[in-house]
Amino acid sequence: MLYGMADDLRWGLIGAIMAKTSPRRSLEFGKYASWRFLRLEALAKTSAASDAFAKPPEEMSMDSAIQKQLDAAVKAVPGWSTESVKVEHWSGGC
């Protein structure tokens, strides 16, 4: 699936560049690019990685799911620990 997504991105970019730079206006490079980007978006939304980040497990609250992902990300960086990283919670208000 990853190679398919990379291929869609590549051909979408090629189509977008050709739509902008090609003197051949009768060819629909832009339409081809938009179809490849649409397919890439659909694959990205249905990938296993997207599912893991989009929905927390049923027994977890959203805050605890975010905290779990943050802890995993901090531990992945050499020399960092959850104690040494300052986390400020955002209230969402202005």
Protein backbone atom coordinates (compact mmCIF):
# COMPACT_ATOMS: atom_id res chain seq x y z
CA MET A 1 0.00 0.00 0.00
CA LEU A 2 2.87 2.36 0.77
CA TYR A 3 4.33 2.02 -2.73
CA GLY A 4 0.89 2.67 -4.22
CA MET A 5 0.59 5.86 -2.19
CA ALA A 6 4.07 6.97 -3.23
CA ASP A 7 3.22 6.23 -6.86
CA ASP A 8 0.00 8.27 -6.64
CA LEU A 9 1.93 11.17 -5.12
CA ARG A 10 4.61 10.97 -7.83
CA TRP A 11 2.19 10.90 -10.75
CA GLY A 12 0.00 13.55 -9.15
CA LEU A 13 2.98 15.88 -8.89
CA ILE A 14 4.07 15.10 -12.46
CA GLY A 15 0.55 15.76 -13.73
CA ALA A 16 0.30 19.04 -11.81
CA ILE A 17 3.65 20.24 -13.12
CA MET A 18 2.78 19.22 -16.68
CA ALA A 19 -0.59 21.00 -16.44
CA LYS A 20 1.21 24.20 -15.52
CA THR A 21 4.20 24.02 -17.87
CA SER A 22 3.12 22.03 -20.94
CA PRO A 23 2.22 23.88 -24.14
CA ARG A 24 -0.12 20.99 -25.03
CA ARG A 25 -3.40 22.34 -23.66
CA SER A 26 -5.52 19.63 -25.31
CA LEU A 27 -4.18 17.03 -22.85
CA GLU A 28 -5.83 17.01 -19.43
CA PHE A 29 -2.81 16.81 -17.17
CA GLY A 30 -4.62 18.68 -14.41
CA LYS A 31 -7.52 16.25 -14.37
CA TYR A 32 -5.12 13.29 -14.23
CA ALA A 33 -3.24 14.92 -11.35
CA SER A 34 -6.45 15.56 -9.42
CA TRP A 35 -7.51 11.93 -9.82
CA ARG A 36 -4.16 10.70 -8.54
CA PHE A 37 -4.28 13.09 -5.56
CA LEU A 38 -7.85 11.98 -4.83
CA ARG A 39 -6.77 8.33 -4.85
CA LEU A 40 -3.82 9.17 -2.57
CA GLU A 41 -6.15 10.90 -0.13
CA ALA A 42 -8.53 7.93 -0.12
CA LEU A 43 -5.69 5.49 0.54
CA ALA A 44 -4.28 7.68 3.30
CA LYS A 45 -7.64 7.88 5.05
CA THR A 46 -8.13 4.12 4.98
CA SER A 47 -4.59 3.03 5.88
CA ALA A 48 -3.83 1.11 9.04
CA ALA A 49 -1.62 3.95 10.32
CA SER A 50 -4.43 6.44 9.90
CA ASP A 51 -6.83 4.17 11.76
CA ALA A 52 -4.45 3.84 14.69
CA PHE A 53 -4.20 7.61 15.14
CA ALA A 54 -7.77 8.54 14.27
CA LYS A 55 -9.65 6.42 16.81
CA PRO A 56 -8.55 5.83 20.38
CA PRO A 57 -9.42 2.46 21.88
CA GLU A 58 -12.92 2.34 23.32
CA GLU A 59 -11.73 2.02 26.91
CA MET A 60 -9.47 5.11 26.66
CA SER A 61 -10.44 8.75 26.80
CA MET A 62 -9.11 11.02 24.07
CA ASP A 63 -6.77 12.75 26.56
CA SER A 64 -5.22 9.48 27.70
CA ALA A 65 -4.85 8.30 24.10
CA ILE A 66 -3.04 11.53 23.18
CA GLN A 67 -0.84 11.23 26.28
CA LYS A 68 0.04 7.64 25.35
CA GLN A 69 1.06 8.69 21.82
CA LEU A 70 3.05 11.63 23.21
CA ASP A 71 4.90 9.37 25.64
CA ALA A 72 5.75 6.94 22.83
CA ALA A 73 7.02 9.79 20.63
CA VAL A 74 9.19 11.22 23.43
CA LYS A 75 10.67 7.81 24.24
CA ALA A 76 11.58 7.33 20.56
CA VAL A 77 13.99 10.29 20.69
CA PRO A 78 17.40 9.29 22.09
CA GLY A 79 18.19 11.09 25.32
CA TRP A 80 14.65 12.29 25.97
CA SER A 81 12.38 11.11 28.74
CA THR A 82 8.86 11.99 29.73
CA GLU A 83 10.24 13.67 32.86
CA SER A 84 12.56 15.98 30.90
CA VAL A 85 9.95 17.17 28.39
CA LYS A 86 7.66 19.95 29.55
CA VAL A 87 4.10 19.53 28.32
CA GLU A 88 1.75 22.47 28.52
CA HIS A 89 -1.92 21.67 28.18
CA TRP A 90 -3.91 23.93 25.92
CA SER A 91 -7.35 24.88 27.12
CA GLY A 92 -8.70 25.56 23.62
CA GLY A 93 -9.88 29.03 24.54
CA CYS A 94 -8.50 32.40 23.55
